[in-house]
Amino acid sequence: MTKIDRAGLTRRELLARSVAAGGSFLVGASWVTGQSAAWAVEVAALKPETMATLVQMARDIYPHDRIPDDRYVVAVKGYDTPEQAPMIEEGIAALNAAARGKGFDSYLAAGWEDDRVAMLKAIEQGEFFQTIRAGLVTGLYNQKEVWPLFGYEGESYSHGGYIDRGFNDIDWL
């Protein structure tokens, strides 16, 4: 078989792992990538499965079809630290346990967004959920790469203000 990375992962193993991770993410020994392989992230303190679940959780909390997964990865990558890892691993383990209680192998294995959102609603008052949600507000929406997707052109003070620059050109309202 053809090896596809230096860790000795065969194409068959890669496909099997992608199915095990819910089909949206491919999970390796120390990395996670999107099914389309348009992005990849190396993880240091978190388990790759935890990072994949965290990315899906971020997408389910703030769902935007126009924002690609790699922007969600950037938003949650800050949790991949030795200081944050215990809280994140524990929170994701609890989320996966709740998923097993609903008949799924894991949170990622719940194929329907409605099922995953129901699991998130059950934990939304907890510290873990609130920490992730609050971090996503700045982690996701402060990325200049996502601003054009919402029609935001950035600050206007240095360009004379909004009156002369885009005040009345919103076409999506």
N, C-alpha and C. Protein backbone atom coordinates (compact mmCIF):
# COMPACT_ATOMS: atom_id res chain seq x y z
N MET A 1 0.83 -1.19 0.00
CA MET A 1 0.00 0.00 0.00
C MET A 1 0.87 1.24 0.00
N THR A 2 0.33 2.32 -0.49
CA THR A 2 1.05 3.57 -0.55
C THR A 2 0.97 4.28 0.79
N LYS A 3 2.10 4.66 1.32
CA LYS A 3 2.13 5.43 2.56
C LYS A 3 1.84 6.88 2.22
N ILE A 4 1.05 7.56 3.09
CA ILE A 4 0.71 8.94 2.77
C ILE A 4 1.33 9.95 3.72
N ASP A 5 1.97 9.50 4.79
CA ASP A 5 2.71 10.42 5.63
C ASP A 5 3.87 9.69 6.27
N ARG A 6 4.74 10.40 6.93
CA ARG A 6 5.94 9.82 7.52
C ARG A 6 5.63 8.93 8.72
N ALA A 7 4.45 9.06 9.29
CA ALA A 7 4.09 8.24 10.45
C ALA A 7 3.72 6.82 10.04
N GLY A 8 3.70 6.52 8.74
CA GLY A 8 3.41 5.18 8.28
C GLY A 8 1.93 4.90 8.14
N LEU A 9 1.12 5.91 8.04
CA LEU A 9 -0.32 5.75 7.90
C LEU A 9 -0.64 5.41 6.45
N THR A 10 -1.32 4.29 6.25
CA THR A 10 -1.70 3.92 4.89
C THR A 10 -2.98 4.64 4.50
N ARG A 11 -3.27 4.65 3.23
CA ARG A 11 -4.50 5.29 2.76
C ARG A 11 -5.72 4.62 3.38
N ARG A 12 -5.70 3.32 3.50
CA ARG A 12 -6.80 2.57 4.11
C ARG A 12 -7.00 2.99 5.58
N GLU A 13 -5.88 3.12 6.32
CA GLU A 13 -5.97 3.54 7.72
C GLU A 13 -6.52 4.96 7.82
N LEU A 14 -6.07 5.82 6.93
CA LEU A 14 -6.55 7.21 6.93
C LEU A 14 -8.06 7.26 6.71
N LEU A 15 -8.55 6.49 5.75
CA LEU A 15 -9.99 6.47 5.49
C LEU A 15 -10.75 5.88 6.67
N ALA A 16 -10.21 4.85 7.29
CA ALA A 16 -10.88 4.25 8.45
C ALA A 16 -10.95 5.25 9.59
N ARG A 17 -9.88 5.99 9.81
CA ARG A 17 -9.88 7.00 10.88
C ARG A 17 -10.86 8.12 10.58
N SER A 18 -10.97 8.49 9.32
CA SER A 18 -11.90 9.57 8.99
C SER A 18 -13.33 9.16 9.27
N VAL A 19 -13.65 7.91 9.02
CA VAL A 19 -14.99 7.41 9.34
C VAL A 19 -15.19 7.37 10.84
N ALA A 20 -14.16 6.95 11.57
CA ALA A 20 -14.25 6.88 13.03
C ALA A 20 -14.42 8.26 13.65
N ALA A 21 -13.93 9.29 12.99
CA ALA A 21 -14.03 10.65 13.52
C ALA A 21 -15.30 11.34 13.07
N GLY A 22 -16.21 10.64 12.50
CA GLY A 22 -17.48 11.23 12.12
C GLY A 22 -17.54 11.63 10.66
N GLY A 23 -16.48 11.40 9.90
CA GLY A 23 -16.52 11.68 8.48
C GLY A 23 -16.19 13.11 8.11
N SER A 24 -16.17 14.04 9.07
CA SER A 24 -15.87 15.43 8.76
C SER A 24 -14.40 15.76 8.89
N PHE A 25 -13.72 15.01 9.76
CA PHE A 25 -12.32 15.28 10.05
C PHE A 25 -11.50 14.02 9.91
N LEU A 26 -10.26 14.17 9.52
CA LEU A 26 -9.31 13.08 9.50
C LEU A 26 -8.38 13.29 10.69
N VAL A 27 -8.15 12.27 11.49
CA VAL A 27 -7.41 12.39 12.72
C VAL A 27 -6.18 11.50 12.65
N GLY A 28 -5.01 12.08 12.92
CA GLY A 28 -3.77 11.31 12.95
C GLY A 28 -3.20 11.27 14.35
N ALA A 29 -1.95 10.88 14.47
CA ALA A 29 -1.31 10.74 15.77
C ALA A 29 -1.19 12.08 16.49
N SER A 30 -0.89 13.14 15.77
CA SER A 30 -0.75 14.45 16.41
C SER A 30 -1.28 15.56 15.51
N TRP A 31 -2.25 15.24 14.66
CA TRP A 31 -2.79 16.23 13.73
C TRP A 31 -4.25 15.96 13.44
N VAL A 32 -4.89 17.00 12.95
CA VAL A 32 -6.28 16.93 12.51
C VAL A 32 -6.35 17.69 11.20
N THR A 33 -7.12 17.18 10.26
CA THR A 33 -7.32 17.89 9.00
C THR A 33 -8.78 17.77 8.59
N GLY A 34 -9.21 18.67 7.75
CA GLY A 34 -10.57 18.61 7.23
C GLY A 34 -10.70 17.48 6.22
N GLN A 35 -11.90 17.00 6.04
CA GLN A 35 -12.12 15.90 5.11
C GLN A 35 -11.65 16.29 3.71
N SER A 36 -11.81 17.56 3.37
CA SER A 36 -11.38 18.01 2.05
C SER A 36 -9.88 18.21 1.99
N ALA A 37 -9.21 18.08 3.14
CA ALA A 37 -7.76 18.28 3.25
C ALA A 37 -7.35 19.68 2.85
N ALA A 38 -8.25 20.64 2.96
CA ALA A 38 -7.94 22.02 2.64
C ALA A 38 -7.20 22.70 3.79
N TRP A 39 -7.20 22.07 4.93
CA TRP A 39 -6.49 22.61 6.09
C TRP A 39 -6.02 21.46 6.96
N ALA A 40 -5.06 21.75 7.79
CA ALA A 40 -4.58 20.77 8.76
C ALA A 40 -4.01 21.55 9.93
N VAL A 41 -4.06 20.95 11.10
CA VAL A 41 -3.49 21.58 12.28
C VAL A 41 -2.77 20.52 13.09
N GLU A 42 -1.59 20.87 13.55
CA GLU A 42 -0.86 19.98 14.44
C GLU A 42 -1.23 20.34 15.86
N VAL A 43 -1.50 19.34 16.66
CA VAL A 43 -1.87 19.58 18.05
C VAL A 43 -0.70 19.24 18.95
N ALA A 44 -0.56 20.00 20.03
CA ALA A 44 0.55 19.79 20.95
C ALA A 44 0.09 19.22 22.28
N ALA A 45 -0.89 19.84 22.92
CA ALA A 45 -1.33 19.41 24.25
C ALA A 45 -2.62 18.62 24.22
N LEU A 46 -3.47 18.86 23.24
CA LEU A 46 -4.75 18.15 23.15
C LEU A 46 -4.61 16.89 22.31
N LYS A 47 -5.51 15.95 22.52
CA LYS A 47 -5.59 14.79 21.64
C LYS A 47 -6.17 15.26 20.30
N PRO A 48 -5.76 14.68 19.19
CA PRO A 48 -6.32 15.08 17.90
C PRO A 48 -7.84 14.96 17.84
N GLU A 49 -8.40 13.91 18.46
CA GLU A 49 -9.85 13.73 18.47
C GLU A 49 -10.53 14.86 19.24
N THR A 50 -9.87 15.34 20.28
CA THR A 50 -10.40 16.44 21.07
C THR A 50 -10.44 17.72 20.23
N MET A 51 -9.36 17.97 19.48
CA MET A 51 -9.32 19.16 18.63
C MET A 51 -10.40 19.09 17.56
N ALA A 52 -10.58 17.92 16.94
CA ALA A 52 -11.62 17.76 15.92
C ALA A 52 -12.99 18.03 16.52
N THR A 53 -13.23 17.54 17.73
CA THR A 53 -14.51 17.76 18.39
C THR A 53 -14.68 19.23 18.74
N LEU A 54 -13.61 19.86 19.18
CA LEU A 54 -13.65 21.29 19.53
C LEU A 54 -13.98 22.15 18.31
N VAL A 55 -13.42 21.80 17.16
CA VAL A 55 -13.71 22.53 15.92
C VAL A 55 -15.18 22.36 15.55
N GLN A 56 -15.70 21.14 15.64
CA GLN A 56 -17.11 20.91 15.33
C GLN A 56 -18.00 21.63 16.32
N MET A 57 -17.61 21.62 17.58
CA MET A 57 -18.38 22.32 18.61
C MET A 57 -18.43 23.83 18.31
N ALA A 58 -17.29 24.38 17.91
CA ALA A 58 -17.24 25.81 17.56
C ALA A 58 -18.17 26.11 16.39
N ARG A 59 -18.16 25.24 15.39
CA ARG A 59 -19.04 25.43 14.23
C ARG A 59 -20.50 25.32 14.64
N ASP A 60 -20.81 24.45 15.59
CA ASP A 60 -22.20 24.29 16.03
C ASP A 60 -22.66 25.46 16.91
N ILE A 61 -21.74 26.06 17.66
CA ILE A 61 -22.10 27.20 18.51
C ILE A 61 -22.33 28.45 17.66
N TYR A 62 -21.43 28.70 16.73
CA TYR A 62 -21.55 29.85 15.82
C TYR A 62 -21.54 29.34 14.38
N PRO A 63 -22.68 28.84 13.91
CA PRO A 63 -22.71 28.24 12.57
C PRO A 63 -22.78 29.29 11.46
N HIS A 64 -21.83 29.23 10.58
CA HIS A 64 -21.82 30.10 9.39
C HIS A 64 -21.37 29.24 8.23
N ASP A 65 -22.24 28.99 7.29
CA ASP A 65 -21.89 28.16 6.15
C ASP A 65 -20.78 28.78 5.31
N ARG A 66 -20.68 30.10 5.32
CA ARG A 66 -19.68 30.77 4.49
C ARG A 66 -18.28 30.77 5.11
N ILE A 67 -18.18 30.46 6.39
CA ILE A 67 -16.87 30.45 7.03
C ILE A 67 -16.30 29.04 6.95
N PRO A 68 -15.12 28.90 6.35
CA PRO A 68 -14.52 27.56 6.23
C PRO A 68 -14.00 27.05 7.58
N ASP A 69 -13.83 25.75 7.69
CA ASP A 69 -13.38 25.12 8.93
C ASP A 69 -12.05 25.68 9.42
N ASP A 70 -11.14 26.04 8.51
CA ASP A 70 -9.83 26.49 8.95
C ASP A 70 -9.91 27.76 9.80
N ARG A 71 -10.92 28.58 9.60
CA ARG A 71 -11.10 29.77 10.44
C ARG A 71 -11.57 29.38 11.84
N TYR A 72 -12.38 28.32 11.94
CA TYR A 72 -12.78 27.80 13.25
C TYR A 72 -11.58 27.19 13.97
N VAL A 73 -10.69 26.54 13.21
CA VAL A 73 -9.48 25.98 13.79
C VAL A 73 -8.64 27.10 14.41
N VAL A 74 -8.47 28.18 13.69
CA VAL A 74 -7.72 29.32 14.21
C VAL A 74 -8.36 29.83 15.50
N ALA A 75 -9.69 29.85 15.53
CA ALA A 75 -10.41 30.36 16.71
C ALA A 75 -10.22 29.50 17.94
N VAL A 76 -10.04 28.20 17.78
CA VAL A 76 -9.92 27.31 18.95
C VAL A 76 -8.49 26.83 19.20
N LYS A 77 -7.57 27.14 18.33
CA LYS A 77 -6.19 26.67 18.48
C LYS A 77 -5.56 27.15 19.79
N GLY A 78 -5.99 28.26 20.31
CA GLY A 78 -5.46 28.79 21.56
C GLY A 78 -5.72 27.90 22.76
N TYR A 79 -6.64 26.97 22.65
CA TYR A 79 -6.91 26.04 23.75
C TYR A 79 -5.93 24.86 23.77
N ASP A 80 -5.10 24.76 22.77
CA ASP A 80 -4.13 23.67 22.67
C ASP A 80 -2.85 24.03 23.44
N THR A 81 -3.00 24.25 24.73
CA THR A 81 -1.87 24.58 25.59
C THR A 81 -1.89 23.65 26.81
N PRO A 82 -0.75 23.45 27.43
CA PRO A 82 -0.73 22.61 28.64
C PRO A 82 -1.63 23.14 29.75
N GLU A 83 -1.81 24.45 29.83
CA GLU A 83 -2.66 25.04 30.86
C GLU A 83 -4.14 24.79 30.59
N GLN A 84 -4.55 24.88 29.35
CA GLN A 84 -5.96 24.74 28.97
C GLN A 84 -6.37 23.28 28.73
N ALA A 85 -5.43 22.45 28.36
CA ALA A 85 -5.74 21.08 27.93
C ALA A 85 -6.56 20.27 28.93
N PRO A 86 -6.25 20.29 30.24
CA PRO A 86 -7.05 19.48 31.15
C PRO A 86 -8.54 19.86 31.15
N MET A 87 -8.84 21.14 31.17
CA MET A 87 -10.23 21.58 31.16
C MET A 87 -10.92 21.20 29.85
N ILE A 88 -10.22 21.36 28.74
CA ILE A 88 -10.79 21.04 27.43
C ILE A 88 -11.01 19.53 27.30
N GLU A 89 -10.01 18.74 27.66
CA GLU A 89 -10.14 17.28 27.57
C GLU A 89 -11.30 16.79 28.43
N GLU A 90 -11.43 17.34 29.63
CA GLU A 90 -12.52 16.95 30.53
C GLU A 90 -13.88 17.35 29.94
N GLY A 91 -13.97 18.55 29.41
CA GLY A 91 -15.23 19.03 28.82
C GLY A 91 -15.64 18.21 27.61
N ILE A 92 -14.69 17.90 26.75
CA ILE A 92 -14.99 17.10 25.55
C ILE A 92 -15.35 15.67 25.96
N ALA A 93 -14.68 15.13 26.98
CA ALA A 93 -15.02 13.78 27.46
C ALA A 93 -16.46 13.75 27.97
N ALA A 94 -16.87 14.79 28.69
CA ALA A 94 -18.25 14.86 29.19
C ALA A 94 -19.23 14.99 28.02
N LEU A 95 -18.86 15.77 27.02
CA LEU A 95 -19.71 15.92 25.84
C LEU A 95 -19.85 14.59 25.10
N ASN A 96 -18.75 13.86 24.98
CA ASN A 96 -18.81 12.54 24.33
C ASN A 96 -19.63 11.55 25.16
N ALA A 97 -19.55 11.65 26.49
CA ALA A 97 -20.36 10.79 27.35
C ALA A 97 -21.85 11.09 27.16
N ALA A 98 -22.17 12.37 27.04
CA ALA A 98 -23.57 12.76 26.78
C ALA A 98 -24.02 12.22 25.43
N ALA A 99 -23.13 12.23 24.46
CA ALA A 99 -23.47 11.70 23.13
C ALA A 99 -23.72 10.19 23.21
N ARG A 100 -22.90 9.49 23.98
CA ARG A 100 -23.12 8.04 24.13
C ARG A 100 -24.47 7.78 24.81
N GLY A 101 -24.87 8.67 25.73
CA GLY A 101 -26.17 8.54 26.37
C GLY A 101 -27.32 8.73 25.40
N LYS A 102 -27.05 9.40 24.29
CA LYS A 102 -28.07 9.62 23.25
C LYS A 102 -27.98 8.57 22.14
N GLY A 103 -27.06 7.60 22.30
CA GLY A 103 -26.95 6.54 21.31
C GLY A 103 -25.88 6.75 20.25
N PHE A 104 -25.02 7.75 20.40
CA PHE A 104 -23.95 8.01 19.44
C PHE A 104 -22.62 7.56 20.04
N ASP A 105 -21.67 7.23 19.19
CA ASP A 105 -20.35 6.84 19.67
C ASP A 105 -19.60 8.02 20.28
N SER A 106 -19.85 9.21 19.76
CA SER A 106 -19.19 10.43 20.24
C SER A 106 -19.98 11.63 19.73
N TYR A 107 -19.59 12.81 20.18
CA TYR A 107 -20.22 14.04 19.70
C TYR A 107 -20.08 14.16 18.19
N LEU A 108 -18.89 13.84 17.69
CA LEU A 108 -18.65 13.92 16.24
C LEU A 108 -19.48 12.92 15.46
N ALA A 109 -19.82 11.80 16.07
CA ALA A 109 -20.58 10.77 15.38
C ALA A 109 -22.05 11.15 15.20
N ALA A 110 -22.51 12.16 15.93
CA ALA A 110 -23.88 12.64 15.75
C ALA A 110 -23.92 13.42 14.45
N GLY A 111 -24.44 12.81 13.42
CA GLY A 111 -24.40 13.39 12.08
C GLY A 111 -25.30 14.60 11.87
N TRP A 112 -26.37 14.70 12.65
CA TRP A 112 -27.30 15.80 12.46
C TRP A 112 -26.95 16.95 13.39
N GLU A 113 -26.91 18.15 12.84
CA GLU A 113 -26.61 19.33 13.63
C GLU A 113 -27.60 19.49 14.79
N ASP A 114 -28.86 19.19 14.55
CA ASP A 114 -29.87 19.31 15.61
C ASP A 114 -29.54 18.44 16.81
N ASP A 115 -29.02 17.24 16.57
CA ASP A 115 -28.63 16.36 17.67
C ASP A 115 -27.48 16.95 18.46
N ARG A 116 -26.49 17.49 17.75
CA ARG A 116 -25.33 18.09 18.44
C ARG A 116 -25.74 19.34 19.20
N VAL A 117 -26.60 20.17 18.61
CA VAL A 117 -27.06 21.39 19.28
C VAL A 117 -27.83 21.04 20.54
N ALA A 118 -28.62 19.99 20.51
CA ALA A 118 -29.36 19.57 21.71
C ALA A 118 -28.38 19.19 22.82
N MET A 119 -27.29 18.53 22.47
CA MET A 119 -26.27 18.19 23.47
C MET A 119 -25.61 19.44 24.03
N LEU A 120 -25.36 20.42 23.16
CA LEU A 120 -24.75 21.66 23.62
C LEU A 120 -25.69 22.44 24.52
N LYS A 121 -26.98 22.45 24.20
CA LYS A 121 -27.95 23.16 25.04
C LYS A 121 -27.99 22.56 26.44
N ALA A 122 -27.76 21.27 26.54
CA ALA A 122 -27.78 20.60 27.85
C ALA A 122 -26.61 21.04 28.73
N ILE A 123 -25.51 21.52 28.13
CA ILE A 123 -24.34 21.93 28.91
C ILE A 123 -24.08 23.43 28.85
N GLU A 124 -24.97 24.20 28.22
CA GLU A 124 -24.68 25.60 27.96
C GLU A 124 -24.50 26.46 29.20
N GLN A 125 -24.98 26.05 30.35
CA GLN A 125 -24.80 26.84 31.56
C GLN A 125 -23.49 26.52 32.27
N GLY A 126 -22.81 25.47 31.84
CA GLY A 126 -21.57 25.05 32.49
C GLY A 126 -20.38 25.90 32.12
N GLU A 127 -19.35 25.81 32.94
CA GLU A 127 -18.13 26.61 32.75
C GLU A 127 -17.42 26.27 31.44
N PHE A 128 -17.36 24.98 31.10
CA PHE A 128 -16.69 24.57 29.87
C PHE A 128 -17.33 25.23 28.65
N PHE A 129 -18.64 25.10 28.51
CA PHE A 129 -19.34 25.68 27.37
C PHE A 129 -19.16 27.19 27.34
N GLN A 130 -19.34 27.85 28.47
CA GLN A 130 -19.24 29.31 28.53
C GLN A 130 -17.83 29.78 28.18
N THR A 131 -16.83 29.03 28.58
CA THR A 131 -15.44 29.39 28.24
C THR A 131 -15.23 29.31 26.73
N ILE A 132 -15.69 28.24 26.12
CA ILE A 132 -15.52 28.07 24.67
C ILE A 132 -16.33 29.13 23.92
N ARG A 133 -17.58 29.33 24.30
CA ARG A 133 -18.44 30.31 23.64
C ARG A 133 -17.85 31.70 23.72
N ALA A 134 -17.40 32.10 24.90
CA ALA A 134 -16.83 33.44 25.07
C ALA A 134 -15.55 33.60 24.26
N GLY A 135 -14.71 32.58 24.23
CA GLY A 135 -13.48 32.66 23.46
C GLY A 135 -13.72 32.73 21.96
N LEU A 136 -14.79 32.12 21.51
CA LEU A 136 -15.11 32.14 20.09
C LEU A 136 -15.54 33.52 19.60
N VAL A 137 -16.15 34.30 20.47
CA VAL A 137 -16.60 35.63 20.06
C VAL A 137 -15.44 36.42 19.50
N THR A 138 -14.32 36.43 20.20
CA THR A 138 -13.16 37.16 19.69
C THR A 138 -12.31 36.29 18.78
N GLY A 139 -12.16 35.01 19.12
CA GLY A 139 -11.31 34.13 18.33
C GLY A 139 -11.79 33.97 16.89
N LEU A 140 -13.09 33.98 16.69
CA LEU A 140 -13.64 33.80 15.34
C LEU A 140 -13.85 35.14 14.65
N TYR A 141 -14.50 36.06 15.31
CA TYR A 141 -14.92 37.30 14.64
C TYR A 141 -13.84 38.37 14.57
N ASN A 142 -12.71 38.20 15.24
CA ASN A 142 -11.61 39.15 15.12
C ASN A 142 -10.63 38.78 14.01
N GLN A 143 -10.94 37.77 13.25
CA GLN A 143 -10.07 37.37 12.14
C GLN A 143 -10.39 38.21 10.90
N LYS A 144 -9.43 38.94 10.44
CA LYS A 144 -9.65 39.80 9.27
C LYS A 144 -10.09 39.01 8.04
N GLU A 145 -9.73 37.72 8.00
CA GLU A 145 -10.09 36.89 6.85
C GLU A 145 -11.59 36.61 6.77
N VAL A 146 -12.30 36.69 7.91
CA VAL A 146 -13.75 36.43 7.89
C VAL A 146 -14.55 37.72 7.70
N TRP A 147 -13.97 38.85 7.92
CA TRP A 147 -14.71 40.11 7.81
C TRP A 147 -15.39 40.29 6.45
N PRO A 148 -14.70 40.04 5.34
CA PRO A 148 -15.37 40.22 4.05
C PRO A 148 -16.58 39.31 3.86
N LEU A 149 -16.59 38.16 4.52
CA LEU A 149 -17.72 37.25 4.40
C LEU A 149 -19.00 37.83 4.99
N PHE A 150 -18.84 38.82 5.88
CA PHE A 150 -19.98 39.49 6.49
C PHE A 150 -20.20 40.89 5.92
N GLY A 151 -19.36 41.30 4.97
CA GLY A 151 -19.50 42.62 4.39
C GLY A 151 -18.82 43.71 5.20
N TYR A 152 -18.05 43.34 6.21
CA TYR A 152 -17.35 44.33 7.04
C TYR A 152 -16.02 44.64 6.40
N GLU A 153 -15.74 45.90 6.22
CA GLU A 153 -14.52 46.33 5.54
C GLU A 153 -13.42 46.75 6.50
N GLY A 154 -13.65 46.59 7.79
CA GLY A 154 -12.65 47.00 8.77
C GLY A 154 -12.93 48.39 9.30
N GLU A 155 -12.00 48.88 10.10
CA GLU A 155 -12.19 50.21 10.67
C GLU A 155 -12.17 51.28 9.58
N SER A 156 -12.86 52.38 9.81
CA SER A 156 -12.95 53.42 8.80
C SER A 156 -12.38 54.76 9.24
N TYR A 157 -11.98 54.87 10.49
CA TYR A 157 -11.47 56.14 10.99
C TYR A 157 -10.32 56.65 10.13
N SER A 158 -9.38 55.78 9.83
CA SER A 158 -8.20 56.20 9.06
C SER A 158 -8.55 56.52 7.60
N HIS A 159 -9.78 56.18 7.18
CA HIS A 159 -10.22 56.44 5.80
C HIS A 159 -11.28 57.55 5.75
N GLY A 160 -11.44 58.30 6.81
CA GLY A 160 -12.41 59.40 6.82
C GLY A 160 -13.74 59.05 7.46
N GLY A 161 -13.87 57.87 8.02
CA GLY A 161 -15.11 57.49 8.69
C GLY A 161 -16.08 56.77 7.78
N TYR A 162 -17.17 56.28 8.36
CA TYR A 162 -18.15 55.49 7.61
C TYR A 162 -19.05 56.33 6.71
N ILE A 163 -19.22 57.59 7.01
CA ILE A 163 -20.08 58.42 6.17
C ILE A 163 -19.57 58.44 4.74
N ASP A 164 -18.25 58.52 4.58
CA ASP A 164 -17.66 58.57 3.25
C ASP A 164 -17.20 57.20 2.75
N ARG A 165 -17.35 56.19 3.57
CA ARG A 165 -16.82 54.87 3.19
C ARG A 165 -17.75 53.76 3.63
N GLY A 166 -18.75 53.45 2.85
CA GLY A 166 -19.57 52.28 3.08
C GLY A 166 -20.74 52.44 4.02
N PHE A 167 -21.09 53.64 4.40
CA PHE A 167 -22.20 53.83 5.34
C PHE A 167 -23.50 53.25 4.81
N ASN A 168 -23.76 53.42 3.53
CA ASN A 168 -25.06 53.06 2.99
C ASN A 168 -24.96 52.02 1.87
N ASP A 169 -23.95 51.14 1.93
CA ASP A 169 -23.81 50.18 0.84
C ASP A 169 -24.07 48.74 1.27
N ILE A 170 -24.75 48.52 2.38
CA ILE A 170 -25.09 47.17 2.81
C ILE A 170 -26.22 46.65 1.93
N ASP A 171 -25.96 45.54 1.25
CA ASP A 171 -26.98 44.99 0.36
C ASP A 171 -27.65 43.72 0.90
N TRP A 172 -27.26 43.29 2.09
CA TRP A 172 -27.83 42.04 2.62
C TRP A 172 -28.88 42.26 3.68
N LEU A 173 -29.23 43.50 3.98
CA LEU A 173 -30.29 43.76 4.97
C LEU A 173 -31.65 43.84 4.32
